[in-house]
Amino acid sequence: HRFFCKICIELKYMVLKFNIFSILIFFQCAYAAQENFIENSFRSPIGIPIILSGDFGELRSNHFHTGLDIKTNGKPNYRMYAIEDGYVSRINISHWGYGKAIYVDHPNGYTSVYGHLNKFPEKIEKIIRAYQYERKTESITIHLDSLAIPVKKSEIIAYSGNTGGSYGPHLHFEIRETKTEKPVNPLLFNFKVPDHKPPLIRNVKFYPFNGTTINNECEPKVFKIIKKESGFQLKTDAIIKVNGVFGVGIDAIDFFDNSYNKCGVYSVEMYLDDVLKFKQLMKKLDFSTNRDINIHKDFADFRNKKLNIHKSFIHPKNALEIYDTTLGNGLIHITDTLKHEIKYIVKDFAGNNSMFVVNVSKEKLNAPCNSVTGQAWLSENNENNFQNEEFKIIVPKNTLYDSVPFDYGWKNNKLNLINRDVPLKQKFVLSLKLGHQVDSLYSKTFVAEITSKSKIVNRKGDFENGWVTTSLKSFGQYTLMVDTLAPKIKQLNFIENNPVSNQLVFKVTDDLSGLQQYNVWIDDQWVLSNYSFRNNRLVVPFDKYSSVESGLHECRVEAKDERNNNS
């Protein structure tokens, strides 16, 4: 009896210890999950459940995404709410970027931003209209003090839309530090976004450095990853052979519940033999360094193969503040002949994680990787200047992330300048020689980029002493083009002298240099018109903000392209 009682007491004590330990673990995990959140009392910016088509830190062309893209069921005009008391500090109306956008400053030091909007409630819309009529332009930026438009938490401040650089109705929502304007991950403010899906790891890429090799090859090499019950692993089970210093990159994306859209991951950790060697975290970004995404990601594979490869090593000119730099630069150098394990743990904000492990070992170098010799180079650390009879190029110091061979070709008056897959940190200057046959048309001549899809994009240009000069942010194919044709204007929804009710609609197009300016007058009085580059529609609204009364009126529409051809 005493024996069994002693066992019971000991078991009881063990169970008690286990329960206390479990409770401690539970609270520790709960605390770890909550310590990320920033203390606030923000409400949701929208009245429907938040379903995301894009998240903070997602890889985009030339920038990280700095907010959340919230779905609006494919429709405009959902009510947007102030997430907290504050005041409207800025309103921006643009054809590009965020389109119609509103900024609200809050007392806790944060600013909420709402983009791609369609319209605003009257107390805001009337201020916008007055500003537009005063300056006789649709595109405006208004900066306001704290007394102009105060707002209360849950007050309607806008209606969702599809304006600016939007490809479907949705809300682009940001939270920024008011003083620095640095965007902060909105998920840190505890908005409820269902997410039970772990990230998807698709590929791993190895990068040799300084003449080293990967599987005895001198070029970076991609290995396909597949998902199995045990986790993510190489499609072909093998040990990667390395020689010398190398870096690794992981191709990973994420999905939220109720959404098929590919989103970005929250954190990436890389371990070598269980020692943390690299970590990135998408908590906060900086617009001034956002373009350094082009050296963080694999620039060429993102452009050409749509791979979302996060490099797990930090370039010396990469100024992004998303890394734990106390761990070093992430480069790996294996000096022994043993097998080593590289492990990735990729997480989303909700804490769902995926793990991938690959083994590497040192290989014997059969043949060294020879560097290119006898070729001109553009230096990363110096200003580069070149001129011949056809073109001039000035590449300022620190424009390049790395020195590159200076390759170019000139054929049929088209300049193929280096490789368009080389990322740039800032702009360079290109001048093209204007031929004598078009000297008289210098004011109508511009630098045109011919994209990889053969699309013509006007890169503008100023004429001086026989050269047309412009600043460019990427290498590629460029030529000079002449635009002497004015934009075309066509009326759509009315017949002259027949009554119209709430609006006039015109189609305004330009086939080369692009529409630059448009104006509408009724009875020689300027009236507001709204233009969409997406469908080339120019709309003149007759609403309660319009001063046009019923009756017979004369309407005049003028359009000018970028080379000052008028209709």
Protein backbone atom coordinates (compact mmCIF):
# COMPACT_ATOMS: atom_id res chain seq x y z
CA HIS A 1 0.00 0.00 0.00
CA ARG A 2 2.78 2.43 0.97
CA PHE A 3 4.67 1.43 -2.20
CA PHE A 4 1.76 2.22 -4.50
CA CYS A 5 0.95 5.41 -2.64
CA LYS A 6 4.54 6.54 -3.14
CA ILE A 7 4.25 5.81 -6.89
CA CYS A 8 0.95 7.72 -7.03
CA ILE A 9 2.44 10.71 -5.21
CA GLU A 10 5.46 10.75 -7.53
CA LEU A 11 3.25 10.40 -10.63
CA LYS A 12 1.00 13.14 -9.32
CA TYR A 13 4.07 15.36 -8.79
CA MET A 14 5.34 14.56 -12.32
CA VAL A 15 1.95 15.39 -13.85
CA LEU A 16 1.83 18.64 -11.88
CA LYS A 17 5.35 19.55 -13.07
CA PHE A 18 4.36 18.68 -16.66
CA ASN A 19 1.20 20.81 -16.48
CA ILE A 20 3.12 23.78 -15.03
CA PHE A 21 5.76 23.32 -17.73
CA SER A 22 3.04 23.14 -20.41
CA ILE A 23 1.40 26.29 -19.07
CA LEU A 24 4.77 28.07 -19.09
CA ILE A 25 5.38 26.92 -22.66
CA PHE A 26 1.87 28.08 -23.65
CA PHE A 27 2.37 31.54 -22.15
CA GLN A 28 5.85 31.80 -23.61
CA CYS A 29 4.50 30.97 -27.10
CA ALA A 30 1.56 33.33 -26.66
CA TYR A 31 3.93 36.09 -25.59
CA ALA A 32 6.23 35.38 -28.53
CA ALA A 33 3.25 35.65 -30.88
CA GLN A 34 2.11 38.92 -29.35
CA GLU A 35 5.43 40.71 -28.88
CA ASN A 36 5.49 41.47 -32.60
CA PHE A 37 2.30 43.54 -32.37
CA ILE A 38 2.51 47.32 -31.98
CA GLU A 39 0.17 48.64 -29.29
CA ASN A 40 -2.74 50.49 -30.91
CA SER A 41 -6.51 50.73 -31.07
CA PHE A 42 -6.85 50.69 -34.87
CA ARG A 43 -9.99 49.30 -36.48
CA SER A 44 -10.12 47.73 -39.93
CA PRO A 45 -10.02 50.22 -42.84
CA ILE A 46 -12.88 48.38 -44.54
CA GLY A 47 -16.23 46.99 -43.45
CA ILE A 48 -15.88 43.54 -45.04
CA PRO A 49 -13.53 40.70 -44.05
CA ILE A 50 -9.93 41.40 -45.04
CA ILE A 51 -8.87 39.11 -47.89
CA LEU A 52 -5.47 39.92 -49.37
CA SER A 53 -4.20 39.87 -52.94
CA GLY A 54 -0.84 41.35 -51.88
CA ASP A 55 1.07 41.78 -48.63
CA PHE A 56 3.87 43.85 -47.15
CA GLY A 57 7.36 43.09 -48.46
CA GLU A 58 6.14 41.21 -51.52
CA LEU A 59 8.65 41.35 -54.39
CA ARG A 60 7.65 43.78 -57.15
CA SER A 61 9.45 45.39 -60.11
CA ASN A 62 12.05 47.80 -58.68
CA HIS A 63 10.46 47.90 -55.21
CA PHE A 64 9.07 45.94 -52.31
CA HIS A 65 5.32 46.27 -51.84
CA THR A 66 4.84 48.66 -48.92
CA GLY A 67 1.30 47.83 -47.83
CA LEU A 68 -1.62 45.41 -48.02
CA ASP A 69 -3.77 44.98 -51.11
CA ILE A 70 -7.26 44.29 -49.77
CA LYS A 71 -9.82 42.72 -52.11
CA THR A 72 -13.18 44.46 -52.67
CA ASN A 73 -15.06 41.61 -54.37
CA GLY A 74 -14.05 42.93 -57.79
CA LYS A 75 -16.19 46.06 -57.34
CA PRO A 76 -15.58 49.75 -56.50
CA ASN A 77 -17.26 52.02 -53.94
CA TYR A 78 -16.82 50.07 -50.71
CA ARG A 79 -16.69 52.45 -47.77
CA MET A 80 -13.25 53.22 -46.36
CA TYR A 81 -13.07 54.04 -42.64
CA ALA A 82 -10.61 56.05 -40.58
CA ILE A 83 -8.82 53.44 -38.49
CA GLU A 84 -8.43 55.93 -35.60
CA ASP A 85 -9.03 59.60 -34.76
CA GLY A 86 -6.80 61.99 -36.65
CA TYR A 87 -6.80 64.42 -39.53
CA VAL A 88 -6.35 64.27 -43.30
CA SER A 89 -2.77 65.42 -43.85
CA ARG A 90 -2.45 64.83 -47.58
CA ILE A 91 -4.58 64.10 -50.65
CA ASN A 92 -3.04 63.01 -53.92
CA ILE A 93 -4.83 62.67 -57.25
CA SER A 94 -2.70 61.03 -59.94
CA HIS A 95 -3.01 58.86 -63.03
CA TRP A 96 -0.18 56.65 -61.78
CA GLY A 97 0.92 54.97 -58.58
CA TYR A 98 -1.77 55.11 -55.90
CA GLY A 99 -4.22 57.00 -58.13
CA LYS A 100 -6.63 58.81 -55.84
CA ALA A 101 -5.10 58.53 -52.37
CA ILE A 102 -5.70 59.95 -48.91
CA TYR A 103 -3.34 60.13 -45.90
CA VAL A 104 -4.56 60.38 -42.30
CA ASP A 105 -2.19 61.34 -39.44
CA HIS A 106 -3.02 59.80 -36.05
CA PRO A 107 -2.00 61.01 -32.55
CA ASN A 108 0.03 57.84 -31.86
CA GLY A 109 2.69 58.78 -34.45
CA TYR A 110 1.44 56.75 -37.38
CA THR A 111 -0.15 57.70 -40.71
CA SER A 112 -2.65 55.50 -42.53
CA VAL A 113 -2.68 55.59 -46.34
CA TYR A 114 -5.55 54.54 -48.62
CA GLY A 115 -4.84 54.17 -52.36
CA HIS A 116 -6.62 53.47 -55.70
CA LEU A 117 -9.77 55.20 -54.43
CA ASN A 118 -12.78 56.18 -56.54
CA LYS A 119 -14.30 59.15 -54.67
CA PHE A 120 -14.61 60.91 -51.31
CA PRO A 121 -17.42 62.10 -49.00
CA GLU A 122 -18.59 65.67 -49.55
CA LYS A 123 -16.50 67.38 -46.84
CA ILE A 124 -13.35 66.07 -48.54
CA GLU A 125 -14.49 66.10 -52.17
CA LYS A 126 -15.44 69.77 -52.11
CA ILE A 127 -11.93 70.71 -50.94
CA ILE A 128 -10.42 68.62 -53.74
CA ARG A 129 -12.67 70.18 -56.39
CA ALA A 130 -11.93 73.71 -55.20
CA TYR A 131 -8.19 72.97 -55.40
CA GLN A 132 -8.52 71.46 -58.89
CA TYR A 133 -10.55 74.41 -60.21
CA GLU A 134 -8.16 76.91 -58.68
CA ARG A 135 -5.20 75.27 -60.45
CA LYS A 136 -7.14 74.09 -63.53
CA THR A 137 -5.80 70.54 -63.38
CA GLU A 138 -7.07 67.11 -62.39
CA SER A 139 -3.75 65.86 -60.93
CA ILE A 140 -2.98 67.53 -57.61
CA THR A 141 -1.27 67.06 -54.26
CA ILE A 142 -2.76 68.85 -51.26
CA HIS A 143 -0.97 69.15 -47.90
CA LEU A 144 -3.32 70.04 -45.03
CA ASP A 145 -2.91 71.09 -41.41
CA SER A 146 -4.64 69.46 -38.47
CA LEU A 147 -7.59 71.88 -38.54
CA ALA A 148 -8.65 71.49 -42.18
CA ILE A 149 -10.22 68.01 -42.19
CA PRO A 150 -10.32 66.33 -38.75
CA VAL A 151 -11.74 62.79 -38.74
CA LYS A 152 -13.04 60.43 -36.09
CA LYS A 153 -12.42 56.73 -35.78
CA SER A 154 -14.84 54.76 -38.03
CA GLU A 155 -15.74 57.87 -40.03
CA ILE A 156 -16.13 57.26 -43.78
CA ILE A 157 -13.22 59.01 -45.49
CA ALA A 158 -13.33 57.53 -49.01
CA TYR A 159 -14.76 54.89 -51.33
CA SER A 160 -12.65 52.14 -52.90
CA GLY A 161 -11.84 52.15 -56.58
CA ASN A 162 -9.45 51.14 -59.34
CA THR A 163 -7.45 54.30 -60.03
CA GLY A 164 -3.75 54.83 -60.73
CA GLY A 165 -1.52 51.83 -61.32
CA SER A 166 -4.22 49.37 -60.31
CA TYR A 167 -5.16 46.28 -62.32
CA GLY A 168 -8.48 45.61 -60.62
CA PRO A 169 -10.69 47.14 -57.90
CA HIS A 170 -9.02 46.91 -54.49
CA LEU A 171 -7.70 49.00 -51.59
CA HIS A 172 -3.98 49.59 -51.20
CA PHE A 173 -3.57 50.18 -47.46
CA GLU A 174 -0.42 51.34 -45.69
CA ILE A 175 0.69 52.42 -42.24
CA ARG A 176 3.72 54.72 -42.03
CA GLU A 177 5.68 56.35 -39.28
CA THR A 178 4.51 59.95 -39.47
CA LYS A 179 7.92 61.53 -38.80
CA THR A 180 10.05 59.35 -41.08
CA GLU A 181 7.37 58.25 -43.60
CA LYS A 182 8.84 54.76 -43.40
CA PRO A 183 6.14 52.16 -44.15
CA VAL A 184 5.54 49.61 -41.40
CA ASN A 185 4.02 46.17 -41.95
CA PRO A 186 0.27 46.71 -41.25
CA LEU A 187 -0.05 43.15 -39.93
CA LEU A 188 1.99 44.30 -36.91
CA PHE A 189 -1.10 46.27 -35.84
CA ASN A 190 -3.16 43.11 -35.34
CA PHE A 191 -5.61 43.41 -38.24
CA LYS A 192 -7.42 40.11 -38.51
CA VAL A 193 -6.32 38.30 -41.67
CA PRO A 194 -7.00 34.52 -41.69
CA ASP A 195 -3.88 32.57 -42.64
CA HIS A 196 -3.32 28.86 -42.08
CA LYS A 197 -1.19 28.14 -45.16
CA PRO A 198 2.58 27.78 -44.78
CA PRO A 199 4.91 29.33 -47.39
CA LEU A 200 5.69 27.42 -50.57
CA ILE A 201 9.38 26.84 -51.35
CA ARG A 202 9.95 26.21 -55.07
CA ASN A 203 13.67 26.50 -55.90
CA VAL A 204 17.08 27.03 -54.35
CA LYS A 205 19.91 28.79 -56.18
CA PHE A 206 23.65 28.62 -55.52
CA TYR A 207 25.94 31.52 -56.48
CA PRO A 208 29.72 31.02 -56.87
CA PHE A 209 32.07 33.91 -56.03
CA ASN A 210 35.59 34.89 -57.07
CA GLY A 211 36.24 32.08 -59.54
CA THR A 212 34.64 29.32 -57.45
CA THR A 213 32.29 26.62 -58.72
CA ILE A 214 28.95 24.92 -58.04
CA ASN A 215 28.94 21.27 -59.15
CA ASN A 216 32.15 22.15 -61.02
CA GLU A 217 30.33 24.85 -63.03
CA CYS A 218 31.26 28.52 -62.98
CA GLU A 219 27.72 29.96 -63.28
CA PRO A 220 24.96 30.22 -60.64
CA LYS A 221 22.79 27.11 -60.61
CA VAL A 222 19.08 26.61 -59.78
CA PHE A 223 17.85 23.37 -58.20
CA LYS A 224 14.16 22.45 -58.22
CA ILE A 225 12.46 21.80 -54.88
CA ILE A 226 9.41 19.59 -54.36
CA LYS A 227 7.08 19.17 -51.41
CA LYS A 228 6.72 15.77 -49.76
CA GLU A 229 5.08 14.59 -46.55
CA SER A 230 8.35 15.00 -44.71
CA GLY A 231 8.79 18.57 -45.98
CA PHE A 232 10.53 20.34 -48.82
CA GLN A 233 13.50 18.71 -50.50
CA LEU A 234 15.48 18.69 -53.74
CA LYS A 235 13.69 17.10 -56.67
CA THR A 236 16.73 14.91 -57.21
CA ASP A 237 18.30 13.78 -53.94
CA ALA A 238 21.92 14.85 -54.19
CA ILE A 239 24.75 16.55 -52.35
CA ILE A 240 25.63 19.93 -53.87
CA LYS A 241 29.35 20.17 -54.57
CA VAL A 242 30.90 23.56 -53.82
CA ASN A 243 34.37 25.02 -54.02
CA GLY A 244 35.31 28.24 -52.29
CA VAL A 245 33.02 31.09 -51.27
CA PHE A 246 29.38 30.85 -52.31
CA GLY A 247 25.96 32.30 -51.56
CA VAL A 248 22.49 30.77 -51.57
CA GLY A 249 19.05 32.11 -52.50
CA ILE A 250 15.60 30.67 -51.84
CA ASP A 251 12.55 30.99 -54.12
CA ALA A 252 9.59 31.25 -51.75
CA ILE A 253 6.05 32.64 -51.89
CA ASP A 254 3.06 32.60 -49.56
CA PHE A 255 -0.72 32.38 -49.74
CA PHE A 256 -3.44 33.64 -47.39
CA ASP A 257 -6.73 31.90 -46.66
CA ASN A 258 -9.54 32.48 -49.19
CA SER A 259 -7.11 33.83 -51.80
CA TYR A 260 -5.23 32.38 -54.76
CA ASN A 261 -2.85 35.37 -55.10
CA LYS A 262 0.88 34.85 -54.61
CA CYS A 263 2.15 36.94 -51.70
CA GLY A 264 5.49 37.56 -50.02
CA VAL A 265 7.03 35.81 -47.03
CA TYR A 266 7.61 37.46 -43.65
CA SER A 267 10.94 36.00 -42.60
CA VAL A 268 13.76 33.87 -44.02
CA GLU A 269 16.37 32.15 -41.87
CA MET A 270 19.35 30.20 -43.21
CA TYR A 271 21.39 27.89 -41.01
CA LEU A 272 24.70 26.15 -41.64
CA ASP A 273 24.94 23.04 -39.46
CA ASP A 274 22.26 24.54 -37.16
CA VAL A 275 24.15 27.82 -36.78
CA LEU A 276 22.11 30.83 -37.93
CA LYS A 277 24.02 32.53 -40.75
CA PHE A 278 21.37 34.83 -42.28
CA LYS A 279 18.02 36.33 -41.32
CA GLN A 280 15.65 38.78 -43.00
CA LEU A 281 12.43 40.18 -41.54
CA MET A 282 9.75 42.25 -43.26
CA LYS A 283 8.79 44.64 -40.46
CA LYS A 284 9.65 48.04 -41.90
CA LEU A 285 10.93 49.49 -45.18
CA ASP A 286 12.38 52.78 -46.37
CA PHE A 287 11.36 54.42 -49.66
CA SER A 288 14.87 55.86 -50.05
CA THR A 289 16.42 52.37 -50.25
CA ASN A 290 13.48 50.42 -51.68
CA ARG A 291 15.11 50.16 -55.11
CA ASP A 292 17.84 47.97 -53.55
CA ILE A 293 15.34 45.15 -53.94
CA ASN A 294 17.05 44.71 -57.32
CA ILE A 295 20.19 43.38 -55.64
CA HIS A 296 18.29 41.59 -52.85
CA LYS A 297 16.29 39.45 -55.28
CA ASP A 298 17.62 37.62 -58.31
CA PHE A 299 16.90 40.46 -60.75
CA ALA A 300 17.20 38.46 -63.99
CA ASP A 301 15.22 35.43 -62.78
CA PHE A 302 12.46 37.68 -61.46
CA ARG A 303 12.18 39.45 -64.84
CA ASN A 304 12.54 36.45 -67.09
CA LYS A 305 11.31 33.45 -65.14
CA LYS A 306 9.01 35.00 -62.49
CA LEU A 307 11.03 33.40 -59.68
CA ASN A 308 10.86 35.06 -56.26
CA ILE A 309 14.42 34.32 -55.17
CA HIS A 310 15.51 36.03 -51.96
CA LYS A 311 19.30 36.08 -51.85
CA SER A 312 20.54 34.97 -48.43
CA PHE A 313 23.68 37.08 -48.66
CA ILE A 314 24.02 40.85 -48.46
CA HIS A 315 25.67 42.83 -51.24
CA PRO A 316 28.03 45.58 -49.97
CA LYS A 317 25.88 48.25 -51.68
CA ASN A 318 22.61 46.87 -50.39
CA ALA A 319 21.31 49.47 -47.90
CA LEU A 320 18.06 47.69 -47.00
CA GLU A 321 17.39 47.46 -43.26
CA ILE A 322 15.61 44.11 -43.31
CA TYR A 323 18.64 42.00 -42.30
CA ASP A 324 20.23 40.94 -39.03
CA THR A 325 23.68 42.24 -39.93
CA THR A 326 25.20 40.95 -36.68
CA LEU A 327 25.24 37.53 -38.37
CA GLY A 328 27.59 38.71 -41.12
CA ASN A 329 26.94 38.94 -44.85
CA GLY A 330 25.55 35.41 -45.31
CA LEU A 331 28.30 34.12 -47.58
CA ILE A 332 29.53 30.57 -46.88
CA HIS A 333 33.02 29.09 -47.22
CA ILE A 334 33.51 25.37 -46.58
CA THR A 335 37.15 24.41 -46.10
CA ASP A 336 36.93 20.75 -45.02
CA THR A 337 35.78 17.64 -46.90
CA LEU A 338 32.88 16.83 -44.56
CA LYS A 339 29.21 16.92 -45.47
CA HIS A 340 27.44 20.05 -44.22
CA GLU A 341 23.76 20.89 -43.88
CA ILE A 342 22.16 24.11 -45.09
CA LYS A 343 18.71 24.58 -43.60
CA TYR A 344 16.08 27.18 -44.45
CA ILE A 345 13.12 28.11 -42.26
CA VAL A 346 10.68 30.36 -44.12
CA LYS A 347 7.74 31.88 -42.21
CA ASP A 348 4.69 33.99 -42.90
CA PHE A 349 3.43 36.60 -40.43
CA ALA A 350 0.93 34.19 -38.85
CA GLY A 351 3.82 31.91 -37.85
CA ASN A 352 3.17 29.17 -40.41
CA ASN A 353 6.59 27.89 -41.42
CA SER A 354 8.20 25.70 -44.04
CA MET A 355 11.60 24.02 -43.79
CA PHE A 356 14.03 22.96 -46.49
CA VAL A 357 17.33 21.14 -45.98
CA VAL A 358 20.11 20.54 -48.52
CA ASN A 359 23.52 18.94 -48.02
CA VAL A 360 26.73 20.40 -49.43
CA SER A 361 30.34 19.31 -49.48
CA LYS A 362 33.63 20.60 -50.87
CA GLU A 363 34.63 19.40 -54.33
CA LYS A 364 37.99 19.32 -56.03
CA LEU A 365 38.37 22.14 -58.55
CA ASN A 366 38.99 20.56 -61.95
CA ALA A 367 39.47 23.82 -63.82
CA PRO A 368 39.45 27.41 -62.55
CA CYS A 369 36.83 29.85 -63.78
CA ASN A 370 38.64 32.35 -65.95
CA SER A 371 37.57 35.99 -65.86
CA VAL A 372 36.83 37.90 -69.08
CA THR A 373 39.88 39.73 -70.35
CA GLY A 374 40.57 42.13 -73.19
CA GLN A 375 37.16 43.82 -72.81
CA ALA A 376 36.10 47.28 -71.69
CA TRP A 377 34.28 47.41 -68.35
CA LEU A 378 32.00 49.86 -66.57
CA SER A 379 33.36 50.37 -63.06
CA GLU A 380 31.01 50.26 -60.07
CA ASN A 381 33.11 52.75 -58.07
CA ASN A 382 33.95 55.39 -60.69
CA GLU A 383 32.11 57.60 -63.14
CA ASN A 384 32.05 55.99 -66.58
CA ASN A 385 32.00 58.03 -69.81
CA PHE A 386 31.92 56.81 -73.38
CA GLN A 387 31.28 58.55 -76.69
CA ASN A 388 31.35 57.66 -80.37
CA GLU A 389 29.63 59.06 -83.45
CA GLU A 390 26.23 57.58 -82.59
CA PHE A 391 25.84 57.85 -78.81
CA LYS A 392 27.24 59.10 -75.51
CA ILE A 393 26.80 57.49 -72.11
CA ILE A 394 27.53 58.82 -68.63
CA VAL A 395 27.20 56.32 -65.78
CA PRO A 396 27.72 58.19 -62.48
CA LYS A 397 29.72 56.72 -59.63
CA ASN A 398 27.79 54.08 -57.62
CA THR A 399 25.11 53.67 -60.31
CA LEU A 400 26.16 50.03 -60.74
CA TYR A 401 26.08 47.42 -58.01
CA ASP A 402 28.96 45.57 -59.68
CA SER A 403 31.38 46.29 -62.51
CA VAL A 404 30.05 44.90 -65.82
CA PRO A 405 31.43 44.39 -69.32
CA PHE A 406 30.64 47.35 -71.58
CA ASP A 407 28.74 45.56 -74.36
CA TYR A 408 26.71 47.43 -76.94
CA GLY A 409 25.50 46.98 -80.49
CA TRP A 410 24.30 49.50 -83.08
CA LYS A 411 22.08 48.26 -85.89
CA ASN A 412 19.35 49.96 -87.95
CA ASN A 413 19.66 53.11 -85.80
CA LYS A 414 18.92 51.07 -82.66
CA LEU A 415 21.29 50.91 -79.73
CA ASN A 416 21.43 47.68 -77.72
CA LEU A 417 23.07 48.87 -74.53
CA ILE A 418 24.65 46.18 -72.35
CA ASN A 419 22.20 43.67 -70.83
CA ARG A 420 18.76 44.76 -69.65
CA ASP A 421 19.08 42.16 -66.86
CA VAL A 422 21.79 44.22 -65.11
CA PRO A 423 20.18 46.06 -62.16
CA LEU A 424 20.97 49.73 -61.52
CA LYS A 425 21.00 51.60 -58.22
CA GLN A 426 20.25 54.97 -59.86
CA LYS A 427 19.86 56.56 -63.30
CA PHE A 428 22.45 57.07 -66.01
CA VAL A 429 22.52 59.58 -68.91
CA LEU A 430 22.19 58.59 -72.57
CA SER A 431 22.58 60.90 -75.57
CA LEU A 432 21.73 59.83 -79.13
CA LYS A 433 22.95 61.71 -82.21
CA LEU A 434 20.20 63.33 -84.26
CA GLY A 435 20.71 62.76 -87.97
CA HIS A 436 20.81 65.73 -90.36
CA GLN A 437 17.67 64.51 -92.12
CA VAL A 438 15.57 65.26 -89.01
CA ASP A 439 17.40 68.33 -87.69
CA SER A 440 14.36 70.47 -88.42
CA LEU A 441 12.20 68.14 -86.30
CA TYR A 442 14.39 68.20 -83.18
CA SER A 443 11.52 69.41 -80.98
CA LYS A 444 9.42 66.40 -82.06
CA THR A 445 12.18 63.82 -81.47
CA PHE A 446 12.41 61.69 -78.33
CA VAL A 447 14.35 58.72 -77.00
CA ALA A 448 12.25 55.58 -77.30
CA GLU A 449 12.84 52.36 -75.40
CA ILE A 450 11.93 49.17 -77.24
CA THR A 451 11.00 46.70 -74.52
CA SER A 452 11.56 42.95 -74.55
CA LYS A 453 7.96 42.63 -75.77
CA SER A 454 8.62 45.11 -78.64
CA LYS A 455 6.53 47.79 -76.97
CA ILE A 456 7.60 51.41 -77.57
CA VAL A 457 7.96 53.53 -74.42
CA ASN A 458 8.68 57.26 -74.59
CA ARG A 459 11.73 58.11 -72.44
CA LYS A 460 11.56 61.79 -73.44
CA GLY A 461 14.75 63.77 -74.10
CA ASP A 462 16.10 67.31 -74.56
CA PHE A 463 17.82 68.52 -77.72
CA GLU A 464 21.14 70.37 -77.60
CA ASN A 465 23.92 70.74 -80.19
CA GLY A 466 22.73 67.85 -82.33
CA TRP A 467 22.14 65.37 -79.48
CA VAL A 468 18.94 64.19 -77.75
CA THR A 469 19.69 63.49 -74.09
CA THR A 470 17.67 61.77 -71.35
CA SER A 471 18.10 59.97 -68.01
CA LEU A 472 17.33 56.25 -67.84
CA LYS A 473 16.98 53.72 -65.04
CA SER A 474 17.71 50.54 -66.99
CA PHE A 475 19.88 49.26 -69.79
CA GLY A 476 18.19 47.95 -72.94
CA GLN A 477 17.38 48.86 -76.53
CA TYR A 478 16.96 52.55 -77.43
CA THR A 479 16.39 54.59 -80.57
CA LEU A 480 15.21 58.03 -81.66
CA MET A 481 11.65 58.51 -82.88
CA VAL A 482 9.80 61.51 -84.31
CA ASP A 483 6.22 62.33 -83.38
CA THR A 484 4.42 64.93 -85.49
CA LEU A 485 0.90 63.54 -85.14
CA ALA A 486 -1.50 65.17 -82.69
CA PRO A 487 -3.72 63.15 -80.31
CA LYS A 488 -7.11 62.01 -81.60
CA ILE A 489 -10.33 63.11 -79.88
CA LYS A 490 -13.62 61.32 -80.38
CA GLN A 491 -16.95 62.00 -78.66
CA LEU A 492 -18.64 58.83 -77.43
CA ASN A 493 -21.85 59.19 -75.46
CA PHE A 494 -23.61 62.07 -77.18
CA ILE A 495 -24.55 63.67 -80.48
CA GLU A 496 -24.00 67.38 -80.90
CA ASN A 497 -27.05 69.52 -79.87
CA ASN A 498 -28.74 66.50 -78.22
CA PRO A 499 -29.30 66.62 -74.45
CA VAL A 500 -26.92 64.84 -72.07
CA SER A 501 -27.57 64.19 -68.42
CA ASN A 502 -24.74 63.48 -66.00
CA GLN A 503 -21.53 63.47 -68.05
CA LEU A 504 -19.74 63.85 -71.36
CA VAL A 505 -17.38 61.09 -72.48
CA PHE A 506 -14.56 61.37 -75.03
CA LYS A 507 -11.97 58.91 -76.25
CA VAL A 508 -8.54 60.58 -76.41
CA THR A 509 -5.61 58.60 -77.82
CA ASP A 510 -2.04 59.23 -78.91
CA ASP A 511 -0.14 56.58 -80.82
CA LEU A 512 3.49 57.46 -80.05
CA SER A 513 4.86 59.95 -77.51
CA GLY A 514 1.79 59.70 -75.27
CA LEU A 515 -0.89 62.05 -73.97
CA GLN A 516 0.64 64.75 -71.78
CA GLN A 517 -2.10 67.32 -71.17
CA TYR A 518 -5.85 67.70 -71.65
CA ASN A 519 -8.36 70.45 -70.88
CA VAL A 520 -12.08 70.97 -71.33
CA TRP A 521 -13.90 74.30 -71.52
CA ILE A 522 -17.64 74.87 -71.48
CA ASP A 523 -18.59 78.33 -72.72
CA ASP A 524 -14.89 79.23 -72.42
CA GLN A 525 -14.87 78.31 -68.73
CA TRP A 526 -12.47 75.55 -67.62
CA VAL A 527 -14.26 72.51 -66.17
CA LEU A 528 -12.88 69.44 -64.44
CA SER A 529 -12.37 66.33 -66.57
CA ASN A 530 -11.08 62.93 -65.44
CA TYR A 531 -8.81 60.91 -67.72
CA SER A 532 -8.02 57.18 -67.53
CA PHE A 533 -4.92 55.91 -69.31
CA ARG A 534 -6.30 52.41 -68.87
CA ASN A 535 -9.16 52.88 -71.34
CA ASN A 536 -8.31 56.31 -72.88
CA ARG A 537 -11.58 57.80 -71.62
CA LEU A 538 -11.94 61.48 -70.76
CA VAL A 539 -15.05 62.07 -68.64
CA VAL A 540 -16.58 65.48 -67.85
CA PRO A 541 -18.87 65.02 -64.82
CA PHE A 542 -22.02 67.09 -64.31
CA ASP A 543 -22.61 66.55 -60.59
CA LYS A 544 -23.40 68.72 -57.59
CA TYR A 545 -19.87 70.15 -57.66
CA SER A 546 -20.26 71.32 -61.27
CA SER A 547 -21.35 74.87 -62.09
CA VAL A 548 -22.81 73.93 -65.51
CA GLU A 549 -26.56 74.52 -65.58
CA SER A 550 -29.22 73.09 -67.89
CA GLY A 551 -29.30 74.68 -71.33
CA LEU A 552 -27.38 74.92 -74.58
CA HIS A 553 -23.61 75.16 -74.18
CA GLU A 554 -20.46 75.04 -76.27
CA CYS A 555 -17.82 72.47 -75.27
CA ARG A 556 -14.18 72.61 -76.36
CA VAL A 557 -11.68 69.80 -75.72
CA GLU A 558 -7.94 70.22 -76.20
CA ALA A 559 -5.30 67.50 -75.97
CA LYS A 560 -1.51 67.73 -76.21
CA ASP A 561 1.03 64.91 -76.44
CA GLU A 562 4.48 64.81 -74.86
CA ARG A 563 6.07 66.36 -77.99
CA ASN A 564 3.59 69.30 -77.94
CA ASN A 565 1.37 68.23 -80.84
CA ASN A 566 -2.11 69.72 -80.25
CA SER A 567 -5.70 68.71 -81.07
